[in-house]
Amino acid sequence: MRAKTAEDFRLLELLDPAARAAGFEIVRLRLMGGDRQRRLQVMAEGPGGTLGVDNCARLSRALSYVLDAVDPIRGGYLLEVSSPGVDRPLTRLEDFSAFAGLEAKIELQRPIEGQKRFRGQIAGLDGDTVLLKPGPGLVRLPFVDIAEAKLVLTDALLERGARERAARQASSQASPDNPARTLH
């Protein structure tokens, strides 16, 4: 799910090491558009699951260096580096553990009991199986069968994001690089 097409997978394999060396992880990569107006969209996150503007620029430079050296994309394209956003895609198995308790939409590659689309609260993992509560019951979705998954924008998701931002701000204000100040 981090990549969709064979070309996406080749690009991901090429760019993953550069992103990791720069301290980031690629959440999703897509090469979109026709031969004339192609766009390489890279969603990534840094430590703590964030990616600010400065880090987007830093990651963009690191990826551009590799793309320019290897030239894996025929023709012109636009590189777009961004954060996954609050209603982010869930592309890695660990995402379903990290975002347990929040609501998600999941689409499968093949139906389970005649159904391909699910929406419900993420209940965690059981090995390589995603547990989802679409209602009173529990649905087991094999991770390998998930085609697309993303968080649903809800009050609970927004509240969690606000708490995480506040914690990051408090942490950065008290870091050794930016010592906390006490007013007397």
Protein backbone atom coordinates (compact mmCIF):
# COMPACT_ATOMS: atom_id res chain seq x y z
CA MET A 1 0.00 0.00 0.00
CA ARG A 2 2.99 2.32 0.34
CA ALA A 3 3.20 2.01 -3.44
CA LYS A 4 0.63 1.01 -6.02
CA THR A 5 2.20 0.23 -9.41
CA ALA A 6 5.38 -1.63 -10.36
CA GLU A 7 6.98 1.75 -11.21
CA ASP A 8 5.95 3.11 -7.79
CA PHE A 9 7.56 0.11 -6.09
CA ARG A 10 10.82 0.60 -8.02
CA LEU A 11 10.89 4.28 -7.05
CA LEU A 12 10.12 3.44 -3.42
CA GLU A 13 12.97 0.92 -3.37
CA LEU A 14 15.30 3.60 -4.78
CA LEU A 15 14.16 6.45 -2.50
CA ASP A 16 13.58 4.65 0.82
CA PRO A 17 17.29 4.53 1.75
CA ALA A 18 17.75 8.26 1.02
CA ALA A 19 14.69 9.15 3.09
CA ARG A 20 15.83 6.99 6.01
CA ALA A 21 19.37 8.41 5.85
CA ALA A 22 17.84 11.89 6.13
CA GLY A 23 15.82 10.76 9.18
CA PHE A 24 12.42 10.31 7.51
CA GLU A 25 10.14 7.45 6.53
CA ILE A 26 8.12 7.37 3.34
CA VAL A 27 4.49 6.67 4.20
CA ARG A 28 3.23 6.56 0.61
CA LEU A 29 4.63 7.15 -2.87
CA ARG A 30 2.64 7.59 -6.10
CA LEU A 31 3.75 8.55 -9.61
CA MET A 32 0.65 10.05 -11.21
CA GLY A 33 -0.37 11.53 -14.52
CA GLY A 34 0.38 10.82 -18.16
CA ASP A 35 3.64 11.24 -20.05
CA ARG A 36 3.28 15.04 -20.26
CA GLN A 37 2.31 16.17 -16.74
CA ARG A 38 3.62 13.59 -14.27
CA ARG A 39 3.78 14.17 -10.55
CA LEU A 40 5.77 12.13 -8.04
CA GLN A 41 3.90 12.46 -4.75
CA VAL A 42 5.82 11.43 -1.64
CA MET A 43 4.11 11.49 1.75
CA ALA A 44 6.59 11.13 4.58
CA GLU A 45 7.01 11.60 8.29
CA GLY A 46 9.90 12.34 10.57
CA PRO A 47 10.52 11.40 14.17
CA GLY A 48 7.31 11.62 16.16
CA GLY A 49 5.19 11.24 13.02
CA THR A 50 5.48 14.86 11.88
CA LEU A 51 6.91 16.63 8.86
CA GLY A 52 7.08 20.41 8.98
CA VAL A 53 7.82 22.74 6.08
CA ASP A 54 11.58 22.85 6.74
CA ASN A 55 11.75 19.06 6.86
CA CYS A 56 9.69 18.79 3.64
CA ALA A 57 12.30 20.95 1.93
CA ARG A 58 15.16 18.93 3.43
CA LEU A 59 13.63 15.62 2.33
CA SER A 60 12.83 17.04 -1.11
CA ARG A 61 16.52 17.95 -1.60
CA ALA A 62 17.65 14.48 -0.47
CA LEU A 63 15.23 12.74 -2.84
CA SER A 64 16.03 15.11 -5.71
CA TYR A 65 19.72 14.29 -5.38
CA VAL A 66 18.99 10.58 -5.90
CA LEU A 67 16.42 11.18 -8.65
CA ASP A 68 18.82 13.47 -10.54
CA ALA A 69 21.71 11.00 -10.22
CA VAL A 70 19.76 7.91 -11.31
CA ASP A 71 17.11 9.56 -13.55
CA PRO A 72 14.55 6.73 -13.13
CA ILE A 73 11.54 8.63 -14.51
CA ARG A 74 11.27 9.14 -18.26
CA GLY A 75 10.37 12.71 -19.19
CA GLY A 76 9.57 15.63 -16.96
CA TYR A 77 7.82 15.40 -13.62
CA LEU A 78 7.12 17.44 -10.52
CA LEU A 79 8.32 16.16 -7.14
CA GLU A 80 5.79 16.84 -4.39
CA VAL A 81 6.83 16.08 -0.80
CA SER A 82 4.24 16.43 1.95
CA SER A 83 3.08 15.27 5.34
CA PRO A 84 0.43 12.52 5.35
CA GLY A 85 -1.98 14.94 7.05
CA VAL A 86 -4.40 14.39 9.87
CA ASP A 87 -6.66 11.96 7.96
CA ARG A 88 -3.61 10.10 6.76
CA PRO A 89 -3.40 6.92 4.75
CA LEU A 90 -2.65 3.79 6.75
CA THR A 91 -0.01 1.99 4.70
CA ARG A 92 2.06 -0.02 7.17
CA LEU A 93 0.99 -2.78 9.52
CA GLU A 94 2.21 -0.77 12.52
CA ASP A 95 -0.11 2.11 11.54
CA PHE A 96 -3.09 -0.01 12.60
CA SER A 97 -1.58 -0.44 16.05
CA ALA A 98 -0.49 3.20 16.40
CA PHE A 99 -3.96 4.49 15.48
CA ALA A 100 -6.02 1.93 17.40
CA GLY A 101 -9.22 3.46 18.78
CA LEU A 102 -9.68 5.81 15.82
CA GLU A 103 -12.08 5.43 12.90
CA ALA A 104 -10.82 4.25 9.50
CA LYS A 105 -12.11 3.44 6.02
CA ILE A 106 -10.60 0.29 4.53
CA GLU A 107 -10.98 -1.12 1.05
CA LEU A 108 -9.88 -4.67 0.29
CA GLN A 109 -8.44 -6.08 -2.92
CA ARG A 110 -10.93 -8.93 -2.76
CA PRO A 111 -14.18 -9.29 -0.85
CA ILE A 112 -14.58 -11.00 2.48
CA GLU A 113 -18.08 -12.48 2.78
CA GLY A 114 -19.15 -10.36 -0.21
CA GLN A 115 -17.86 -7.05 1.16
CA LYS A 116 -14.82 -5.03 0.04
CA ARG A 117 -15.37 -1.72 1.89
CA PHE A 118 -15.36 -1.35 5.65
CA ARG A 119 -15.59 1.58 8.04
CA GLY A 120 -15.16 1.35 11.78
CA GLN A 121 -12.96 1.77 14.81
CA ILE A 122 -9.49 0.23 14.58
CA ALA A 123 -9.25 -2.39 17.33
CA GLY A 124 -5.56 -3.17 16.79
CA LEU A 125 -3.78 -6.17 15.35
CA ASP A 126 -3.71 -9.91 15.71
CA GLY A 127 -0.46 -10.86 14.02
CA ASP A 128 -0.79 -9.74 10.40
CA THR A 129 -4.55 -9.24 10.68
CA VAL A 130 -6.20 -5.85 11.23
CA LEU A 131 -9.06 -5.88 13.72
CA LEU A 132 -11.89 -3.46 12.97
CA LYS A 133 -15.14 -2.74 14.83
CA PRO A 134 -17.65 -1.58 12.21
CA GLY A 135 -20.39 -1.89 14.82
CA PRO A 136 -20.99 -4.21 17.73
CA GLY A 137 -18.96 -7.04 16.17
CA LEU A 138 -15.32 -7.43 15.18
CA VAL A 139 -14.06 -7.92 11.62
CA ARG A 140 -10.69 -9.51 10.83
CA LEU A 141 -9.02 -8.09 7.72
CA PRO A 142 -5.76 -9.68 6.49
CA PHE A 143 -3.24 -6.85 6.00
CA VAL A 144 -2.06 -8.34 2.69
CA ASP A 145 -5.60 -7.96 1.30
CA ILE A 146 -5.90 -4.23 2.09
CA ALA A 147 -5.82 -2.07 -1.06
CA GLU A 148 -6.44 1.32 0.58
CA ALA A 149 -6.94 2.50 4.14
CA LYS A 150 -7.13 5.91 5.74
CA LEU A 151 -8.19 7.58 8.94
CA VAL A 152 -11.59 9.28 8.99
CA LEU A 153 -11.66 12.90 10.11
CA THR A 154 -13.56 12.78 13.42
CA ASP A 155 -13.59 14.80 16.63
CA ALA A 156 -11.54 12.05 18.31
CA LEU A 157 -8.85 12.31 15.60
CA LEU A 158 -8.75 16.11 15.84
CA GLU A 159 -8.51 15.94 19.66
CA ARG A 160 -5.65 13.43 19.44
CA GLY A 161 -3.82 15.66 16.96
CA ALA A 162 -4.23 18.69 19.24
CA ARG A 163 -2.87 16.73 22.23
CA GLU A 164 0.14 15.52 20.20
CA ARG A 165 0.90 19.06 18.94
CA ALA A 166 0.70 20.44 22.47
CA ALA A 167 3.05 17.72 23.73
CA ARG A 168 5.55 18.41 20.90
CA GLN A 169 5.46 22.14 21.60
CA ALA A 170 5.99 21.60 25.32
CA SER A 171 8.85 19.20 24.56
CA SER A 172 10.56 21.56 22.10
CA GLN A 173 10.27 24.51 24.50
CA ALA A 174 12.07 22.54 27.20
CA SER A 175 14.71 20.92 24.94
CA PRO A 176 18.45 21.54 25.48
CA ASP A 177 18.49 23.61 22.27
CA ASN A 178 15.67 25.76 23.62
CA PRO A 179 15.82 25.73 27.43
CA ALA A 180 12.58 26.32 29.30
CA ARG A 181 12.26 29.72 30.89
CA THR A 182 10.59 30.35 34.18
CA LEU A 183 9.13 33.74 34.98
CA HIS A 184 9.65 34.99 38.54
